[in-house]
């Protein structure tokens, strides 16, 4: 794997670092613009914590037996299965948790207290009740609202919860963020869930309604990958490194005894009641039947291919990592001979990214980039700064596509370009229709330099070629294609139902105020934080 925990070393963990709903750190954008503060190192104090590692005694578990039945070749290849469909991706997590026998390790940036989060939490609790060891590692950006539940669940003998780079609970979050911005600004954006150290799910999805097409108003189009075989051990090694790092603190130490206390029995009753209520909805009832049967019978298909994990080390949180994920993905991109296809929800390439993609295009490599349009992007500052690089990319020959907020719903492609009104949240790229990266990494400065990220790179010509073919099939009906007009200005092309194309001379948007705000954001010196 490109990142090896024993190679990269940063500054002593816990030292001061210089300096969206689904967007890490942007909640502190206003303070960043208004103030330059001297960071006051102030992570919550914690007594020495126990070190633990992924379970190793799982060779006779249900999953191990099923993988043998699925034809595990045992030759170093890993079994993979793409998960573009939101409901299926949630259902698979729930069903795998239900069948786990030894351990569940879950690492997420966001866990919402909504139906999807309650289904997720309920399955973890039920697994723990039957003896499964559950380790849950959450970035602390959005956890405070359910502190009492978290604190109560840590009383379960089979549940451990740690909060990554936490806020102090003895001062307000706004004050803490301002006084300790250099530390708080760095977030853990990793997303993985591993079952019995035999199967893992890695990708772009957090845990919340909008990531699994369960939100009534807006959802994200996203992509995960289910994996088995050697790559699972690599994911577990990444999890262990973060879990045992100085940045991951026991939740009970962070939260303390502040606020309304819940007993474990009260927490169990509330969570299981919420779980049953969520399962009783039309969405919940439709979730798991097909996947449950596939898992139980061993019919969940896997393709066995070379695969490796690419991940930032936790030392990146202190600003001290020399080898980061972006350094490992660059050679993969530069190896392209014919084509690079990029899907990035938040695309702010900066001068370096523009140079990389432009150089590829100029030497004859077809470069295709799909990102959000103004109306589908949920983070206006990101779009404002992305817009600054569009013309340079188009001039160099890069194909730019922007996902339309209102579009026809096609059959699912590999990026799940789903219902009208949803936004792109996928983070993936394909090189030469062979190498395929799926993970949490956006093409922006925050992913490159500030947050920690991870993903899986597979060498799978059939999967990669099919994914690009499906994307090409659906792009014209789902996205604007950008081009330069005769006057050198950008035009947005939209294909109509009758197959004709309309060219927009101005950026399509339902709101002139949104255009104005985005333009202002694009002029502010905040690009390094996006």
Protein backbone atom coordinates (compact mmCIF):
# COMPACT_ATOMS: atom_id res chain seq x y z
CA UNK A 1 0.00 0.00 0.00
CA UNK A 2 1.33 3.51 -0.78
CA UNK A 3 1.07 4.66 2.84
CA UNK A 4 2.93 2.57 5.36
CA UNK A 5 2.42 3.47 8.99
CA UNK A 6 6.00 2.66 9.95
CA UNK A 7 7.51 5.03 7.38
CA UNK A 8 5.90 8.42 7.84
CA UNK A 9 6.53 10.31 11.04
CA UNK A 10 5.34 13.78 11.89
CA UNK A 11 5.82 16.11 14.79
CA UNK A 12 4.85 14.81 18.20
CA UNK A 13 1.12 14.19 18.15
CA UNK A 14 -0.90 16.80 19.94
CA UNK A 15 1.52 19.65 19.20
CA UNK A 16 0.33 22.90 17.68
CA UNK A 17 0.02 22.85 13.92
CA UNK A 18 0.50 25.96 11.78
CA UNK A 19 -1.78 26.70 9.93
CA UNK A 20 -20.92 21.54 5.19
CA UNK A 21 -22.88 19.70 6.07
CA UNK A 22 -20.56 17.60 4.02
CA UNK A 23 -17.60 19.99 3.88
CA UNK A 24 -14.93 19.80 6.56
CA UNK A 25 -13.83 23.01 8.22
CA UNK A 26 -16.04 25.41 6.26
CA UNK A 27 -18.05 26.16 9.38
CA UNK A 28 -15.05 28.24 10.43
CA UNK A 29 -14.82 30.13 7.13
CA UNK A 30 -16.13 33.42 8.52
CA UNK A 31 -13.70 33.48 11.47
CA UNK A 32 -10.90 32.69 9.04
CA UNK A 33 -11.81 35.63 6.83
CA UNK A 34 -12.20 38.06 9.72
CA UNK A 35 -9.42 37.06 12.07
CA UNK A 36 -5.89 35.80 12.13
CA UNK A 37 -5.46 34.32 15.55
CA UNK A 38 -2.53 32.93 17.41
CA UNK A 39 -3.42 29.29 17.93
CA UNK A 40 -3.72 28.22 21.54
CA UNK A 41 -3.16 24.49 21.71
CA UNK A 42 -6.08 23.13 23.65
CA UNK A 43 -7.06 19.57 22.93
CA UNK A 44 -9.04 18.02 25.80
CA UNK A 45 -6.86 16.39 28.41
CA UNK A 46 -7.09 12.61 28.63
CA UNK A 47 -5.55 9.91 30.71
CA UNK A 48 -3.54 7.20 28.96
CA UNK A 49 -5.80 5.18 26.69
CA UNK A 50 -5.57 1.49 25.82
CA UNK A 51 -4.08 0.44 22.50
CA UNK A 52 -6.09 -2.03 20.43
CA UNK A 53 -5.90 -3.59 16.99
CA UNK A 54 -8.14 -5.26 14.44
CA UNK A 55 -9.38 -8.76 15.25
CA UNK A 56 -7.24 -11.56 13.84
CA UNK A 57 -9.19 -14.66 14.95
CA UNK A 58 -11.81 -14.36 12.20
CA UNK A 59 -10.80 -17.15 9.83
CA UNK A 60 -13.79 -19.32 10.77
CA UNK A 61 -16.45 -16.61 10.80
CA UNK A 62 -19.53 -16.53 8.61
CA UNK A 63 -17.86 -14.02 6.29
CA UNK A 64 -14.67 -16.08 5.95
CA UNK A 65 -16.69 -19.15 5.00
CA UNK A 66 -18.77 -17.20 2.48
CA UNK A 67 -15.67 -15.71 0.88
CA UNK A 68 -14.29 -19.18 0.33
CA UNK A 69 -17.57 -20.14 -1.29
CA UNK A 70 -17.28 -17.09 -3.55
CA UNK A 71 -13.98 -18.40 -4.90
CA UNK A 72 -11.31 -16.41 -3.07
CA UNK A 73 -8.25 -17.23 -5.21
CA UNK A 74 -5.80 -16.60 -2.37
CA UNK A 75 -3.22 -15.17 -4.79
CA UNK A 76 -2.97 -11.62 -3.45
CA UNK A 77 -5.92 -10.22 -5.37
CA UNK A 78 -8.85 -8.62 -3.55
CA UNK A 79 -12.54 -9.08 -4.23
CA UNK A 80 -14.40 -5.85 -5.05
CA UNK A 81 -17.95 -4.75 -5.78
CA UNK A 82 -18.98 -1.16 -6.61
CA UNK A 83 -21.83 0.42 -4.63
CA UNK A 84 -23.26 3.34 -6.64
CA UNK A 85 -26.82 2.99 -5.32
CA UNK A 86 -27.50 4.83 -2.05
CA UNK A 87 -30.17 2.60 -0.50
CA UNK A 88 -28.21 -0.53 -1.40
CA UNK A 89 -25.05 0.94 0.14
CA UNK A 90 -26.86 1.54 3.45
CA UNK A 91 -28.62 -1.83 3.35
CA UNK A 92 -25.33 -3.62 2.84
CA UNK A 93 -23.77 -1.91 5.84
CA UNK A 94 -26.75 -2.92 7.99
CA UNK A 95 -26.85 -6.53 6.79
CA UNK A 96 -23.09 -7.01 7.17
CA UNK A 97 -23.29 -5.59 10.70
CA UNK A 98 -26.11 -8.04 11.41
CA UNK A 99 -23.92 -10.99 10.32
CA UNK A 100 -20.68 -9.86 12.02
CA UNK A 101 -19.42 -12.26 14.69
CA UNK A 102 -16.17 -10.82 16.09
CA UNK A 103 -15.68 -7.15 15.30
CA UNK A 104 -16.92 -4.02 13.56
CA UNK A 105 -14.55 -1.07 13.03
CA UNK A 106 -16.19 2.09 11.65
CA UNK A 107 -14.45 5.39 10.86
CA UNK A 108 -16.49 8.37 9.65
CA UNK A 109 -16.38 12.13 9.29
CA UNK A 110 -20.15 12.56 9.76
CA UNK A 111 -22.73 10.47 11.61
CA UNK A 112 -26.09 12.24 11.57
CA UNK A 113 -28.83 11.74 14.14
CA UNK A 114 -31.44 10.94 11.49
CA UNK A 115 -33.07 7.79 10.13
CA UNK A 116 -29.93 6.51 8.41
CA UNK A 117 -27.81 7.30 11.46
CA UNK A 118 -30.29 5.59 13.77
CA UNK A 119 -30.39 2.47 11.58
CA UNK A 120 -26.59 2.45 11.59
CA UNK A 121 -26.35 3.02 15.35
CA UNK A 122 -29.06 0.50 16.12
CA UNK A 123 -27.25 -2.24 14.22
CA UNK A 124 -23.98 -1.45 15.99
CA UNK A 125 -25.72 -1.67 19.36
CA UNK A 126 -27.41 -4.97 18.50
CA UNK A 127 -24.09 -6.37 17.30
CA UNK A 128 -22.46 -5.34 20.58
CA UNK A 129 -25.31 -6.91 22.55
CA UNK A 130 -24.58 -10.28 20.95
CA UNK A 131 -20.85 -10.03 21.75
CA UNK A 132 -19.32 -8.27 18.74
CA UNK A 133 -16.52 -5.82 19.64
CA UNK A 134 -17.46 -2.44 18.14
CA UNK A 135 -14.92 0.35 17.66
CA UNK A 136 -16.43 3.60 16.36
CA UNK A 137 -14.09 6.46 15.43
CA UNK A 138 -15.81 9.74 14.60
CA UNK A 139 -14.42 13.09 13.64
CA UNK A 140 -15.73 15.47 16.29
CA UNK A 141 -16.95 18.19 13.93
CA UNK A 142 -20.64 17.31 14.25
CA UNK A 143 -21.00 14.97 17.23
CA UNK A 144 -21.86 17.32 20.10
CA UNK A 145 -25.63 17.21 19.50
CA UNK A 146 -25.79 13.59 20.63
CA UNK A 147 -23.16 13.67 23.40
CA UNK A 148 -25.50 12.12 26.01
CA UNK A 149 -26.18 9.10 23.77
CA UNK A 150 -22.49 8.73 22.92
CA UNK A 151 -21.48 8.95 26.58
CA UNK A 152 -24.06 6.34 27.58
CA UNK A 153 -23.06 3.87 24.85
CA UNK A 154 -19.44 3.97 25.99
CA UNK A 155 -20.68 2.17 29.11
CA UNK A 156 -21.39 -0.92 27.01
CA UNK A 157 -18.68 -3.56 27.58
CA UNK A 158 -18.41 -4.24 23.83
CA UNK A 159 -18.50 -0.66 22.51
CA UNK A 160 -15.59 1.77 22.32
CA UNK A 161 -16.10 5.23 20.83
CA UNK A 162 -13.30 7.69 20.17
CA UNK A 163 -13.58 11.26 18.91
CA UNK A 164 -10.94 12.52 16.51
CA UNK A 165 -9.29 15.91 17.09
CA UNK A 166 -12.12 16.88 19.46
CA UNK A 167 -13.49 20.22 20.51
CA UNK A 168 -13.26 21.07 24.19
CA UNK A 169 -16.60 20.71 25.93
CA UNK A 170 -15.83 23.16 28.75
CA UNK A 171 -15.95 26.18 26.42
CA UNK A 172 -18.32 26.98 23.56
CA UNK A 173 -17.56 25.53 20.15
CA UNK A 174 -17.33 28.96 18.53
CA UNK A 175 -14.87 30.20 21.14
CA UNK A 176 -12.89 26.97 21.03
CA UNK A 177 -12.72 27.10 17.25
CA UNK A 178 -11.48 30.67 17.24
CA UNK A 179 -8.89 30.22 19.96
CA UNK A 180 -7.59 26.94 18.58
CA UNK A 181 -8.22 27.32 14.86
CA UNK A 182 -4.92 25.83 13.73
CA UNK A 183 -5.81 22.51 15.34
CA UNK A 184 -9.60 22.47 14.92
CA UNK A 185 -9.31 23.29 11.21
CA UNK A 186 -7.78 19.86 10.50
CA UNK A 187 -10.44 17.16 10.22
CA UNK A 188 -10.53 13.40 9.67
CA UNK A 189 -12.45 12.94 6.41
CA UNK A 190 -11.83 9.16 6.15
CA UNK A 191 -14.76 6.80 5.61
CA UNK A 192 -14.55 3.05 6.18
CA UNK A 193 -16.48 0.23 7.85
CA UNK A 194 -14.88 -3.18 8.35
CA UNK A 195 -16.59 -6.40 9.45
CA UNK A 196 -14.71 -9.25 11.18
CA UNK A 197 -11.56 -8.04 9.39
CA UNK A 198 -12.94 -9.94 6.37
CA UNK A 199 -15.04 -7.37 4.48
CA UNK A 200 -14.79 -3.60 4.27
CA UNK A 201 -16.71 -0.70 2.71
CA UNK A 202 -14.68 2.38 1.71
CA UNK A 203 -15.74 5.40 -0.31
CA UNK A 204 -17.29 8.83 -0.30
CA UNK A 205 -20.36 8.32 1.87
CA UNK A 206 -20.77 9.56 5.42
CA UNK A 207 -23.65 8.22 7.52
CA UNK A 208 -26.78 10.31 7.05
CA UNK A 209 -30.01 10.40 5.07
CA UNK A 210 -28.66 12.50 2.21
CA UNK A 211 -25.88 9.99 1.46
CA UNK A 212 -28.31 7.10 0.98
CA UNK A 213 -31.17 8.74 -0.97
CA UNK A 214 -33.30 8.88 2.18
CA UNK A 215 -33.70 12.66 2.43
CA UNK A 216 -37.03 14.08 1.29
CA UNK A 217 -35.55 17.29 -0.11
CA UNK A 218 -31.98 16.73 -1.36
CA UNK A 219 -29.51 13.89 -1.71
CA UNK A 220 -25.96 13.19 -2.79
CA UNK A 221 -24.86 11.05 -5.74
CA UNK A 222 -21.99 9.01 -4.34
CA UNK A 223 -19.86 5.89 -4.66
CA UNK A 224 -18.48 3.25 -2.27
CA UNK A 225 -16.63 0.01 -2.84
CA UNK A 226 -17.09 -3.28 -0.99
CA UNK A 227 -13.84 -5.21 -0.70
CA UNK A 228 -12.55 -8.54 0.58
CA UNK A 229 -9.13 -10.17 0.66
CA UNK A 230 -5.72 -8.58 1.35
CA UNK A 231 -6.93 -5.00 0.94
CA UNK A 232 -9.11 -5.45 4.05
CA UNK A 233 -5.99 -5.86 6.17
CA UNK A 234 -4.67 -2.61 4.74
CA UNK A 235 -7.88 -0.78 5.64
CA UNK A 236 -7.69 -2.25 9.15
CA UNK A 237 -4.08 -1.07 9.47
CA UNK A 238 -5.17 2.46 8.57
CA UNK A 239 -8.01 2.28 11.09
CA UNK A 240 -5.66 1.03 13.82
CA UNK A 241 -3.19 3.84 13.14
CA UNK A 242 -5.92 6.47 13.55
CA UNK A 243 -7.56 4.69 16.49
CA UNK A 244 -4.30 4.50 18.43
CA UNK A 245 -3.06 7.96 17.46
CA UNK A 246 -2.89 10.79 19.97
CA UNK A 247 -5.64 12.60 18.06
CA UNK A 248 -8.29 9.94 18.83
CA UNK A 249 -9.56 10.40 22.38
CA UNK A 250 -12.04 8.22 24.29
CA UNK A 251 -15.46 9.84 23.97
CA UNK A 252 -16.16 9.49 27.69
CA UNK A 253 -13.03 11.54 28.47
CA UNK A 254 -13.94 14.26 25.97
CA UNK A 255 -17.60 14.54 26.96
CA UNK A 256 -17.21 14.00 30.70
CA UNK A 257 -20.32 14.31 32.82
CA UNK A 258 -21.65 17.51 31.29
CA UNK A 259 -25.26 17.85 30.25
CA UNK A 260 -28.19 15.52 30.74
CA UNK A 261 -27.00 12.03 31.59
CA UNK A 262 -28.45 8.85 30.11
CA UNK A 263 -28.00 5.38 31.52
CA UNK A 264 -27.00 2.61 29.14
CA UNK A 265 -30.47 1.08 29.48
CA UNK A 266 -32.12 4.41 28.65
CA UNK A 267 -29.81 4.90 25.67
CA UNK A 268 -30.52 1.38 24.43
CA UNK A 269 -34.28 1.89 24.70
CA UNK A 270 -34.15 5.22 22.85
CA UNK A 271 -31.84 4.03 20.10
CA UNK A 272 -33.69 0.79 19.45
CA UNK A 273 -37.01 2.64 19.44
CA UNK A 274 -35.62 5.06 16.85
CA UNK A 275 -34.20 2.10 14.90
CA UNK A 276 -37.57 0.36 14.76
CA UNK A 277 -39.29 3.60 13.75
CA UNK A 278 -36.80 4.14 10.91
CA UNK A 279 -37.10 0.53 9.80
CA UNK A 280 -40.88 0.88 9.79
CA UNK A 281 -40.88 3.64 7.19
CA UNK A 282 -41.41 2.83 3.52
CA UNK A 283 -37.73 3.56 2.90
CA UNK A 284 -36.59 1.38 5.80
CA UNK A 285 -38.83 -1.52 4.85
CA UNK A 286 -37.47 -1.54 1.30
CA UNK A 287 -33.83 -1.45 2.31
CA UNK A 288 -32.45 -4.87 2.93
CA UNK A 289 -34.48 -7.77 1.53
CA UNK A 290 -32.47 -8.42 -1.64
CA UNK A 291 -29.08 -7.78 -0.08
CA UNK A 292 -29.93 -9.87 3.00
CA UNK A 293 -30.64 -12.86 0.75
CA UNK A 294 -27.51 -12.28 -1.32
CA UNK A 295 -25.25 -12.14 1.74
CA UNK A 296 -26.83 -15.16 3.41
CA UNK A 297 -26.63 -17.29 0.27
CA UNK A 298 -23.18 -16.15 -0.84
CA UNK A 299 -24.54 -14.66 -4.07
CA UNK A 300 -23.04 -11.19 -3.55
CA UNK A 301 -20.69 -11.10 -6.53
CA UNK A 302 -17.06 -10.04 -6.21
CA UNK A 303 -14.47 -9.41 -8.93
CA UNK A 304 -10.97 -10.46 -7.84
CA UNK A 305 -8.45 -7.82 -8.89
CA UNK A 306 -5.21 -6.19 -7.68
CA UNK A 307 -6.10 -3.52 -5.11
CA UNK A 308 -4.31 -1.28 -2.63
CA UNK A 309 -5.23 1.26 0.00
CA UNK A 310 -4.02 4.83 -0.32
CA UNK A 311 -4.35 6.87 2.85
CA UNK A 312 -3.00 9.88 4.66
CA UNK A 313 -1.24 9.07 7.94
CA UNK A 314 -2.77 10.55 11.11
CA UNK A 315 0.35 12.70 11.49
CA UNK A 316 -1.11 14.92 8.79
CA UNK A 317 -3.45 16.27 11.48
CA UNK A 318 -0.42 17.86 13.16
CA UNK A 319 0.81 19.26 9.87
CA UNK A 320 3.89 17.04 10.06
CA UNK A 321 3.35 14.31 7.48
CA UNK A 322 5.81 14.27 4.60
CA UNK A 323 4.08 11.55 2.57
CA UNK A 324 0.39 12.13 1.94
CA UNK A 325 -2.26 10.60 -0.29
CA UNK A 326 -1.99 13.31 -2.94
CA UNK A 327 1.68 12.42 -3.45
CA UNK A 328 0.73 8.79 -4.05
CA UNK A 329 -2.07 9.45 -6.52
CA UNK A 330 -0.01 11.83 -8.68
CA UNK A 331 2.21 9.12 -10.24
CA UNK A 332 -0.91 7.09 -11.05
CA UNK A 333 -2.36 10.05 -12.94
CA UNK A 334 0.93 10.83 -14.68
CA UNK A 335 1.14 7.23 -15.90
CA UNK A 336 -1.89 7.82 -18.14
CA UNK A 337 -1.35 7.02 -21.80
CA UNK A 338 -4.79 7.68 -23.26
CA UNK A 339 -7.41 8.91 -20.76
CA UNK A 340 -8.07 10.29 -17.28
CA UNK A 341 -11.64 10.64 -15.99
CA UNK A 342 -12.15 12.52 -12.72
CA UNK A 343 -15.30 12.89 -10.62
CA UNK A 344 -14.90 15.31 -7.74
CA UNK A 345 -17.72 16.88 -5.77
CA UNK A 346 -15.56 19.80 -4.67
CA UNK A 347 -13.09 20.63 -7.43
CA UNK A 348 -10.61 23.44 -6.73
CA UNK A 349 -7.50 22.24 -8.59
CA UNK A 350 -5.31 25.25 -7.88
CA UNK A 351 -2.35 26.12 -10.12
CA UNK A 352 -0.71 22.74 -9.47
CA UNK A 353 -3.79 20.73 -10.40
CA UNK A 354 -4.39 22.84 -13.49
CA UNK A 355 -0.79 22.27 -14.57
CA UNK A 356 -1.04 18.50 -14.02
CA UNK A 357 -4.27 18.08 -15.97
CA UNK A 358 -3.26 20.55 -18.68
CA UNK A 359 0.07 18.79 -19.23
CA UNK A 360 -1.76 15.49 -19.64
CA UNK A 361 -4.16 17.03 -22.16
CA UNK A 362 -1.38 18.68 -24.13
CA UNK A 363 0.46 15.38 -24.58
CA UNK A 364 -2.64 13.81 -26.07
CA UNK A 365 -4.31 12.26 -23.04
CA UNK A 366 -8.06 12.76 -23.00
CA UNK A 367 -8.91 14.43 -19.66
CA UNK A 368 -12.53 14.50 -18.50
CA UNK A 369 -13.62 16.21 -15.26
CA UNK A 370 -17.10 15.99 -13.74
CA UNK A 371 -17.97 18.27 -10.84
CA UNK A 372 -20.98 20.15 -9.52
CA UNK A 373 -22.62 23.06 -11.30
CA UNK A 374 -23.47 26.26 -9.47
CA UNK A 375 -26.97 25.05 -8.60
CA UNK A 376 -25.97 21.51 -7.58
CA UNK A 377 -22.99 22.59 -5.46
CA UNK A 378 -23.90 22.85 -1.77
CA UNK A 379 -20.78 24.92 -0.92
CA UNK A 380 -20.77 28.27 -2.70
CA UNK A 381 -17.20 29.29 -1.75
CA UNK A 382 -15.90 26.11 -3.39
CA UNK A 383 -17.73 26.87 -6.62
CA UNK A 384 -16.52 30.46 -6.56
CA UNK A 385 -12.89 29.36 -6.47
CA UNK A 386 -13.34 26.45 -8.89
CA UNK A 387 -14.74 28.94 -11.42
CA UNK A 388 -11.40 30.76 -11.47
CA UNK A 389 -9.71 27.75 -13.12
CA UNK A 390 -12.31 26.75 -15.72
CA UNK A 391 -11.03 28.82 -18.61
CA UNK A 392 -7.42 27.67 -18.20
CA UNK A 393 -8.51 24.04 -18.17
CA UNK A 394 -10.69 24.45 -21.25
CA UNK A 395 -7.92 26.27 -23.11
CA UNK A 396 -5.59 23.32 -22.51
CA UNK A 397 -8.11 20.83 -23.88
CA UNK A 398 -9.60 19.42 -20.66
CA UNK A 399 -13.27 18.36 -21.01
CA UNK A 400 -15.30 19.96 -18.22
CA UNK A 401 -18.77 18.73 -17.25
CA UNK A 402 -20.95 20.19 -14.48
CA UNK A 403 -23.78 18.17 -12.98
CA UNK A 404 -27.18 19.74 -13.62
CA UNK A 405 -29.38 20.24 -10.56
CA UNK A 406 -32.51 19.49 -12.61
CA UNK A 407 -32.13 16.51 -14.91
CA UNK A 408 -33.76 13.34 -16.15
CA UNK A 409 -33.24 10.30 -13.93
CA UNK A 410 -31.28 7.69 -15.91
CA UNK A 411 -30.59 4.10 -15.05
CA UNK A 412 -27.88 4.05 -12.41
CA UNK A 413 -24.36 4.50 -13.71
CA UNK A 414 -21.20 4.00 -11.69
CA UNK A 415 -21.48 7.45 -10.11
CA UNK A 416 -25.18 7.02 -9.37
CA UNK A 417 -26.23 10.16 -11.21
CA UNK A 418 -29.62 9.84 -9.64
CA UNK A 419 -32.72 11.88 -9.00
CA UNK A 420 -33.23 15.47 -9.97
CA UNK A 421 -32.14 17.84 -7.23
CA UNK A 422 -29.26 15.72 -5.95
CA UNK A 423 -25.64 16.88 -5.82
CA UNK A 424 -22.46 15.07 -6.77
CA UNK A 425 -20.56 13.81 -3.72
CA UNK A 426 -18.40 11.13 -5.38
CA UNK A 427 -14.63 11.24 -5.27
CA UNK A 428 -13.18 8.92 -7.92
CA UNK A 429 -10.90 8.82 -10.93
CA UNK A 430 -10.17 6.31 -13.71
CA UNK A 431 -6.87 6.10 -15.62
CA UNK A 432 -6.74 4.45 -19.06
CA UNK A 433 -9.98 2.58 -18.31
CA UNK A 434 -7.93 0.31 -16.07
CA UNK A 435 -6.94 1.91 -12.77
CA UNK A 436 -9.89 3.07 -10.66
CA UNK A 437 -9.65 5.06 -7.40
CA UNK A 438 -12.66 5.31 -5.06
CA UNK A 439 -12.42 7.19 -1.78
CA UNK A 440 -12.93 10.36 0.24
CA UNK A 441 -10.37 12.55 -1.56
CA UNK A 442 -11.59 15.72 -3.30
CA UNK A 443 -9.48 17.64 -5.80
CA UNK A 444 -9.05 20.67 -3.57
CA UNK A 445 -6.52 22.22 -1.17
CA UNK A 446 -8.38 20.96 1.90
CA UNK A 447 -8.06 17.33 0.87
CA UNK A 448 -4.48 17.79 -0.29
CA UNK A 449 -3.06 19.71 2.67
CA UNK A 450 -5.47 19.94 5.62
CA UNK A 451 -7.83 17.00 6.13
CA UNK A 452 -6.96 13.32 6.24
CA UNK A 453 -8.30 11.16 3.40
CA UNK A 454 -8.28 7.57 2.18
CA UNK A 455 -9.37 5.39 -0.72
CA UNK A 456 -8.84 2.15 -2.61
CA UNK A 457 -7.08 1.91 -5.98
CA UNK A 458 -7.99 -1.11 -8.09
CA UNK A 459 -6.41 -2.38 -11.30
CA UNK A 460 -9.52 -3.67 -13.04
CA UNK A 461 -9.87 -3.06 -16.80
CA UNK A 462 -13.36 -4.56 -17.12
CA UNK A 463 -14.79 -2.64 -14.15
CA UNK A 464 -13.08 0.62 -15.08
CA UNK A 465 -14.02 0.46 -18.76
CA UNK A 466 -17.63 -0.34 -17.93
CA UNK A 467 -17.75 2.52 -15.43
CA UNK A 468 -16.48 5.06 -17.97
CA UNK A 469 -18.82 3.72 -20.65
CA UNK A 470 -21.82 4.14 -18.35
CA UNK A 471 -20.69 7.62 -17.37
CA UNK A 472 -20.31 8.69 -21.00
CA UNK A 473 -23.75 7.30 -21.75
CA UNK A 474 -25.44 9.38 -19.06
CA UNK A 475 -23.37 12.58 -18.96
CA UNK A 476 -25.15 14.41 -21.82
CA UNK A 477 -28.52 14.06 -20.07
CA UNK A 478 -27.15 14.75 -16.57
CA UNK A 479 -24.56 17.50 -16.97
CA UNK A 480 -23.60 20.66 -18.82
CA UNK A 481 -20.62 20.37 -21.13
CA UNK A 482 -18.47 23.50 -21.01
CA UNK A 483 -16.68 24.97 -24.02
CA UNK A 484 -15.11 28.23 -25.12
CA UNK A 485 -17.11 30.29 -27.60
CA UNK A 486 -15.66 32.23 -30.51
CA UNK A 487 -15.24 35.22 -28.20
CA UNK A 488 -13.18 33.13 -25.77
CA UNK A 489 -15.87 33.11 -23.10
CA UNK A 490 -17.33 29.99 -21.49
CA UNK A 491 -20.54 28.45 -22.81
CA UNK A 492 -22.65 25.78 -21.09
CA UNK A 493 -24.16 23.16 -23.43
CA UNK A 494 -27.26 21.24 -22.34
CA UNK A 495 -28.79 18.40 -24.32
CA UNK A 496 -32.56 18.48 -24.61
CA UNK A 497 -35.01 15.58 -24.65
CA UNK A 498 -35.16 15.65 -28.47
CA UNK A 499 -31.37 15.28 -28.71
CA UNK A 500 -30.63 18.89 -29.67
CA UNK A 501 -28.18 21.03 -27.69
CA UNK A 502 -28.74 24.49 -26.23
CA UNK A 503 -25.79 26.79 -25.51
CA UNK A 504 -26.00 29.16 -22.53
CA UNK A 505 -23.80 32.25 -22.71
CA UNK A 506 -24.15 32.84 -18.97
CA UNK A 507 -23.75 30.36 -16.16
CA UNK A 508 -27.08 28.58 -15.62
CA UNK A 509 -28.56 29.21 -12.20
CA UNK A 510 -31.98 29.59 -10.69
CA UNK A 511 -30.83 32.45 -8.47
CA UNK A 512 -29.03 35.69 -9.39
CA UNK A 513 -28.22 36.14 -5.71
CA UNK A 514 -26.45 32.79 -5.69
CA UNK A 515 -24.36 33.94 -8.63
CA UNK A 516 -23.52 37.16 -6.82
CA UNK A 517 -22.55 35.42 -3.57
CA UNK A 518 -20.43 32.87 -5.40
CA UNK A 519 -18.64 35.59 -7.32
CA UNK A 520 -17.82 37.43 -4.09
CA UNK A 521 -16.53 34.24 -2.48
CA UNK A 522 -14.32 33.69 -5.51
CA UNK A 523 -12.58 37.03 -4.90
CA UNK A 524 -11.83 36.34 -1.24
CA UNK A 525 -8.36 34.99 -0.30
CA UNK A 526 -9.72 31.76 1.14
CA UNK A 527 -8.79 29.27 -1.58
CA UNK A 528 -6.20 27.47 0.56
CA UNK A 529 -8.93 26.48 3.04
CA UNK A 530 -11.41 25.03 0.52
